[in-house]
Amino acid sequence: MSLGDRIRIILNEQHIKQIELAEKLGISANYVNLLVNGKKTRISDTLAQLIEERYGYSSQWLLTGTGEKLVDTGISDNKIEIINRIKKMSQEEVNATMAFIHSLEKVHEEFKK
């Protein structure tokens, strides 16, 4: 099974298009197309790790085709969405978000008493 086959599996199982995968990974749609069509036959360890973290497909499986296909990343889709939104925030928005989180922690501590 080629790298292109493995990328196609991810696209099919995740029900996403090449352009969506590219956007989520911060790479070009053309690069994804080259991978899928076998014109690029290798990806970096960094990209494989990013795919593992984002989608749960083992970086080893991506790079070599061996080992378990899926890993448990411990990160839910909701957490990923929150992280992606925070990355787009201004510092002021991040500070406000942190203040909100701290207020929730205080409420939770009070509730436990």
N, C-alpha and C. Protein backbone atom coordinates (compact mmCIF):
# COMPACT_ATOMS: atom_id res chain seq x y z
N MET A 1 0.85 -1.18 0.00
CA MET A 1 0.00 0.00 0.00
C MET A 1 0.90 1.24 0.00
N SER A 2 0.64 2.15 -0.89
CA SER A 2 1.45 3.36 -1.03
C SER A 2 1.00 4.45 -0.05
N LEU A 3 1.84 5.47 0.08
CA LEU A 3 1.47 6.63 0.90
C LEU A 3 0.19 7.26 0.36
N GLY A 4 0.08 7.35 -0.95
CA GLY A 4 -1.14 7.90 -1.55
C GLY A 4 -2.38 7.12 -1.15
N ASP A 5 -2.25 5.79 -1.10
CA ASP A 5 -3.36 4.94 -0.66
C ASP A 5 -3.73 5.25 0.78
N ARG A 6 -2.71 5.43 1.62
CA ARG A 6 -2.97 5.72 3.04
C ARG A 6 -3.64 7.09 3.21
N ILE A 7 -3.21 8.06 2.42
CA ILE A 7 -3.85 9.39 2.48
C ILE A 7 -5.29 9.29 2.00
N ARG A 8 -5.54 8.51 0.96
CA ARG A 8 -6.92 8.32 0.47
C ARG A 8 -7.79 7.65 1.54
N ILE A 9 -7.22 6.71 2.28
CA ILE A 9 -7.96 6.07 3.37
C ILE A 9 -8.39 7.13 4.39
N ILE A 10 -7.48 8.00 4.75
CA ILE A 10 -7.80 9.06 5.72
C ILE A 10 -8.92 9.94 5.17
N LEU A 11 -8.80 10.36 3.93
CA LEU A 11 -9.83 11.20 3.31
C LEU A 11 -11.19 10.51 3.33
N ASN A 12 -11.20 9.24 2.95
CA ASN A 12 -12.47 8.49 2.91
C ASN A 12 -13.05 8.27 4.29
N GLU A 13 -12.22 7.84 5.23
CA GLU A 13 -12.72 7.55 6.57
C GLU A 13 -13.14 8.80 7.33
N GLN A 14 -12.50 9.91 7.05
CA GLN A 14 -12.84 11.17 7.71
C GLN A 14 -13.92 11.95 6.96
N HIS A 15 -14.29 11.44 5.77
CA HIS A 15 -15.31 12.10 4.94
C HIS A 15 -14.94 13.55 4.66
N ILE A 16 -13.68 13.74 4.27
CA ILE A 16 -13.21 15.09 3.94
C ILE A 16 -12.60 15.09 2.55
N LYS A 17 -12.51 16.28 1.99
CA LYS A 17 -11.90 16.46 0.67
C LYS A 17 -10.43 16.84 0.85
N GLN A 18 -9.69 16.72 -0.23
CA GLN A 18 -8.27 17.04 -0.19
C GLN A 18 -8.03 18.46 0.32
N ILE A 19 -8.84 19.39 -0.15
CA ILE A 19 -8.65 20.79 0.25
C ILE A 19 -8.90 20.98 1.75
N GLU A 20 -9.86 20.23 2.30
CA GLU A 20 -10.12 20.32 3.74
C GLU A 20 -8.94 19.78 4.55
N LEU A 21 -8.38 18.66 4.09
CA LEU A 21 -7.21 18.10 4.76
C LEU A 21 -6.07 19.10 4.72
N ALA A 22 -5.85 19.69 3.56
CA ALA A 22 -4.77 20.67 3.40
C ALA A 22 -4.95 21.84 4.36
N GLU A 23 -6.16 22.37 4.42
CA GLU A 23 -6.43 23.51 5.30
C GLU A 23 -6.18 23.17 6.76
N LYS A 24 -6.64 22.00 7.19
CA LYS A 24 -6.48 21.59 8.59
C LYS A 24 -5.02 21.37 8.96
N LEU A 25 -4.20 20.97 7.95
CA LEU A 25 -2.80 20.68 8.22
C LEU A 25 -1.88 21.85 7.91
N GLY A 26 -2.43 22.89 7.29
CA GLY A 26 -1.61 24.04 6.95
C GLY A 26 -0.67 23.79 5.78
N ILE A 27 -1.10 22.94 4.86
CA ILE A 27 -0.31 22.65 3.67
C ILE A 27 -1.16 22.98 2.44
N SER A 28 -0.55 22.96 1.28
CA SER A 28 -1.30 23.32 0.08
C SER A 28 -2.15 22.15 -0.40
N ALA A 29 -3.27 22.49 -1.02
CA ALA A 29 -4.13 21.46 -1.61
C ALA A 29 -3.39 20.75 -2.74
N ASN A 30 -2.54 21.47 -3.44
CA ASN A 30 -1.75 20.86 -4.51
C ASN A 30 -0.83 19.77 -3.95
N TYR A 31 -0.23 20.03 -2.80
CA TYR A 31 0.65 19.05 -2.17
C TYR A 31 -0.13 17.78 -1.81
N VAL A 32 -1.32 17.94 -1.25
CA VAL A 32 -2.15 16.79 -0.93
C VAL A 32 -2.49 16.01 -2.20
N ASN A 33 -2.80 16.74 -3.27
CA ASN A 33 -3.11 16.10 -4.55
C ASN A 33 -1.92 15.30 -5.07
N LEU A 34 -0.73 15.86 -4.94
CA LEU A 34 0.47 15.14 -5.38
C LEU A 34 0.69 13.87 -4.56
N LEU A 35 0.40 13.94 -3.27
CA LEU A 35 0.51 12.75 -2.42
C LEU A 35 -0.49 11.68 -2.83
N VAL A 36 -1.74 12.10 -2.98
CA VAL A 36 -2.82 11.16 -3.32
C VAL A 36 -2.54 10.47 -4.66
N ASN A 37 -1.99 11.22 -5.60
CA ASN A 37 -1.76 10.69 -6.94
C ASN A 37 -0.38 10.04 -7.11
N GLY A 38 0.34 9.89 -6.01
CA GLY A 38 1.61 9.18 -6.05
C GLY A 38 2.77 9.94 -6.66
N LYS A 39 2.61 11.23 -6.87
CA LYS A 39 3.70 12.03 -7.45
C LYS A 39 4.69 12.47 -6.37
N LYS A 40 4.24 12.48 -5.15
CA LYS A 40 5.10 12.64 -3.97
C LYS A 40 4.92 11.36 -3.17
N THR A 41 6.04 10.75 -2.82
CA THR A 41 5.95 9.44 -2.16
C THR A 41 6.44 9.45 -0.72
N ARG A 42 6.79 10.63 -0.22
CA ARG A 42 7.26 10.74 1.16
C ARG A 42 6.69 12.00 1.79
N ILE A 43 6.49 11.92 3.10
CA ILE A 43 6.14 13.11 3.88
C ILE A 43 7.12 13.20 5.04
N SER A 44 7.21 14.37 5.61
CA SER A 44 8.12 14.57 6.74
C SER A 44 7.57 13.91 8.00
N ASP A 45 8.47 13.62 8.91
CA ASP A 45 8.04 13.10 10.22
C ASP A 45 7.10 14.09 10.90
N THR A 46 7.38 15.38 10.73
CA THR A 46 6.57 16.43 11.35
C THR A 46 5.14 16.39 10.82
N LEU A 47 4.98 16.26 9.51
CA LEU A 47 3.64 16.20 8.93
C LEU A 47 2.93 14.93 9.37
N ALA A 48 3.64 13.81 9.41
CA ALA A 48 3.03 12.56 9.87
C ALA A 48 2.56 12.70 11.31
N GLN A 49 3.36 13.36 12.14
CA GLN A 49 2.98 13.57 13.54
C GLN A 49 1.77 14.48 13.65
N LEU A 50 1.71 15.49 12.82
CA LEU A 50 0.56 16.40 12.81
C LEU A 50 -0.72 15.66 12.43
N ILE A 51 -0.63 14.79 11.43
CA ILE A 51 -1.79 13.99 11.02
C ILE A 51 -2.20 13.06 12.15
N GLU A 52 -1.22 12.49 12.84
CA GLU A 52 -1.53 11.62 13.98
C GLU A 52 -2.28 12.39 15.06
N GLU A 53 -1.78 13.57 15.39
CA GLU A 53 -2.40 14.37 16.43
C GLU A 53 -3.79 14.84 16.04
N ARG A 54 -3.96 15.22 14.78
CA ARG A 54 -5.23 15.78 14.33
C ARG A 54 -6.28 14.72 14.05
N TYR A 55 -5.86 13.62 13.43
CA TYR A 55 -6.83 12.63 12.96
C TYR A 55 -6.71 11.26 13.62
N GLY A 56 -5.63 11.01 14.37
CA GLY A 56 -5.50 9.74 15.09
C GLY A 56 -4.91 8.60 14.28
N TYR A 57 -4.35 8.90 13.10
CA TYR A 57 -3.70 7.86 12.30
C TYR A 57 -2.22 7.83 12.67
N SER A 58 -1.73 6.66 13.02
CA SER A 58 -0.37 6.49 13.49
C SER A 58 0.64 7.07 12.49
N SER A 59 1.58 7.85 13.02
CA SER A 59 2.62 8.40 12.15
C SER A 59 3.47 7.28 11.56
N GLN A 60 3.70 6.21 12.31
CA GLN A 60 4.46 5.07 11.78
C GLN A 60 3.72 4.45 10.61
N TRP A 61 2.42 4.26 10.75
CA TRP A 61 1.61 3.69 9.67
C TRP A 61 1.64 4.61 8.45
N LEU A 62 1.53 5.89 8.68
CA LEU A 62 1.57 6.85 7.57
C LEU A 62 2.90 6.79 6.83
N LEU A 63 3.98 6.78 7.57
CA LEU A 63 5.31 6.83 6.97
C LEU A 63 5.73 5.52 6.31
N THR A 64 5.35 4.39 6.92
CA THR A 64 5.88 3.11 6.46
C THR A 64 4.83 2.11 6.00
N GLY A 65 3.58 2.33 6.41
CA GLY A 65 2.53 1.36 6.10
C GLY A 65 2.52 0.19 7.06
N THR A 66 3.34 0.24 8.10
CA THR A 66 3.40 -0.85 9.08
C THR A 66 2.85 -0.38 10.42
N GLY A 67 2.51 -1.34 11.25
CA GLY A 67 2.01 -1.03 12.59
C GLY A 67 0.51 -0.76 12.57
N GLU A 68 0.02 -0.40 13.73
CA GLU A 68 -1.40 -0.10 13.88
C GLU A 68 -1.75 1.16 13.10
N LYS A 69 -2.90 1.15 12.47
CA LYS A 69 -3.33 2.31 11.70
C LYS A 69 -3.74 3.46 12.60
N LEU A 70 -4.45 3.17 13.67
CA LEU A 70 -5.00 4.22 14.53
C LEU A 70 -4.33 4.22 15.90
N VAL A 71 -4.22 5.41 16.47
CA VAL A 71 -3.72 5.57 17.83
C VAL A 71 -4.74 6.39 18.61
N ASP A 72 -4.68 6.28 19.92
CA ASP A 72 -5.55 7.09 20.77
C ASP A 72 -4.80 8.35 21.13
N THR A 73 -5.21 9.47 20.54
CA THR A 73 -4.51 10.73 20.79
C THR A 73 -4.95 11.38 22.09
N GLY A 74 -6.11 10.99 22.61
CA GLY A 74 -6.61 11.60 23.83
C GLY A 74 -7.17 12.99 23.60
N ILE A 75 -7.25 13.42 22.35
CA ILE A 75 -7.76 14.75 22.04
C ILE A 75 -9.05 14.59 21.25
N SER A 76 -10.13 15.09 21.79
CA SER A 76 -11.42 15.00 21.11
C SER A 76 -11.53 16.08 20.03
N ASP A 77 -12.49 15.91 19.15
CA ASP A 77 -12.74 16.92 18.11
C ASP A 77 -13.06 18.27 18.73
N ASN A 78 -13.79 18.27 19.85
CA ASN A 78 -14.13 19.54 20.51
C ASN A 78 -12.88 20.25 21.00
N LYS A 79 -11.95 19.50 21.57
CA LYS A 79 -10.71 20.11 22.05
C LYS A 79 -9.90 20.68 20.89
N ILE A 80 -9.86 19.95 19.80
CA ILE A 80 -9.14 20.43 18.63
C ILE A 80 -9.76 21.71 18.11
N GLU A 81 -11.09 21.75 18.06
CA GLU A 81 -11.78 22.96 17.60
C GLU A 81 -11.46 24.15 18.50
N ILE A 82 -11.46 23.92 19.81
CA ILE A 82 -11.15 25.00 20.75
C ILE A 82 -9.72 25.49 20.55
N ILE A 83 -8.79 24.57 20.40
CA ILE A 83 -7.39 24.94 20.19
C ILE A 83 -7.25 25.77 18.91
N ASN A 84 -7.89 25.33 17.86
CA ASN A 84 -7.81 26.06 16.59
C ASN A 84 -8.40 27.46 16.71
N ARG A 85 -9.49 27.59 17.45
CA ARG A 85 -10.09 28.92 17.64
C ARG A 85 -9.19 29.82 18.47
N ILE A 86 -8.57 29.27 19.50
CA ILE A 86 -7.68 30.06 20.35
C ILE A 86 -6.48 30.56 19.54
N LYS A 87 -5.98 29.72 18.64
CA LYS A 87 -4.85 30.12 17.80
C LYS A 87 -5.17 31.37 16.98
N LYS A 88 -6.43 31.58 16.65
CA LYS A 88 -6.84 32.71 15.82
C LYS A 88 -7.18 33.95 16.64
N MET A 89 -7.20 33.84 17.97
CA MET A 89 -7.60 34.96 18.82
C MET A 89 -6.48 35.97 19.00
N SER A 90 -6.89 37.20 19.28
CA SER A 90 -5.93 38.22 19.68
C SER A 90 -5.51 37.95 21.12
N GLN A 91 -4.44 38.60 21.56
CA GLN A 91 -4.00 38.40 22.94
C GLN A 91 -5.08 38.84 23.93
N GLU A 92 -5.79 39.89 23.60
CA GLU A 92 -6.87 40.37 24.47
C GLU A 92 -7.96 39.30 24.61
N GLU A 93 -8.31 38.67 23.51
CA GLU A 93 -9.34 37.61 23.55
C GLU A 93 -8.84 36.40 24.33
N VAL A 94 -7.57 36.07 24.20
CA VAL A 94 -7.00 34.95 24.96
C VAL A 94 -7.05 35.27 26.45
N ASN A 95 -6.70 36.50 26.82
CA ASN A 95 -6.74 36.90 28.23
C ASN A 95 -8.16 36.80 28.78
N ALA A 96 -9.14 37.26 28.01
CA ALA A 96 -10.54 37.19 28.44
C ALA A 96 -10.98 35.73 28.60
N THR A 97 -10.54 34.88 27.69
CA THR A 97 -10.88 33.45 27.76
C THR A 97 -10.28 32.83 29.01
N MET A 98 -9.03 33.17 29.30
CA MET A 98 -8.38 32.64 30.49
C MET A 98 -9.09 33.11 31.76
N ALA A 99 -9.53 34.35 31.78
CA ALA A 99 -10.27 34.86 32.94
C ALA A 99 -11.57 34.07 33.11
N PHE A 100 -12.23 33.78 32.02
CA PHE A 100 -13.46 32.99 32.07
C PHE A 100 -13.18 31.59 32.61
N ILE A 101 -12.11 30.96 32.13
CA ILE A 101 -11.76 29.62 32.59
C ILE A 101 -11.47 29.63 34.09
N HIS A 102 -10.73 30.65 34.54
CA HIS A 102 -10.43 30.75 35.98
C HIS A 102 -11.71 30.93 36.80
N SER A 103 -12.66 31.70 36.27
CA SER A 103 -13.92 31.89 37.01
C SER A 103 -14.69 30.57 37.09
N LEU A 104 -14.65 29.78 36.03
CA LEU A 104 -15.29 28.46 36.06
C LEU A 104 -14.64 27.54 37.09
N GLU A 105 -13.31 27.60 37.16
CA GLU A 105 -12.59 26.79 38.15
C GLU A 105 -13.01 27.17 39.56
N LYS A 106 -13.17 28.46 39.82
CA LYS A 106 -13.60 28.93 41.14
C LYS A 106 -15.00 28.42 41.48
N VAL A 107 -15.89 28.52 40.51
CA VAL A 107 -17.27 28.04 40.70
C VAL A 107 -17.25 26.54 40.98
N HIS A 108 -16.45 25.82 40.24
CA HIS A 108 -16.34 24.37 40.44
C HIS A 108 -15.83 24.03 41.84
N GLU A 109 -14.81 24.76 42.30
CA GLU A 109 -14.27 24.55 43.64
C GLU A 109 -15.33 24.84 44.71
N GLU A 110 -16.09 25.91 44.54
CA GLU A 110 -17.16 26.25 45.48
C GLU A 110 -18.24 25.18 45.50
N PHE A 111 -18.55 24.66 44.36
CA PHE A 111 -19.59 23.64 44.23
C PHE A 111 -19.17 22.36 44.94
N LYS A 112 -17.89 22.04 44.93
CA LYS A 112 -17.38 20.82 45.55
C LYS A 112 -17.44 20.89 47.07
N LYS A 113 -17.51 22.10 47.64
CA LYS A 113 -17.48 22.26 49.10
C LYS A 113 -18.76 21.81 49.74
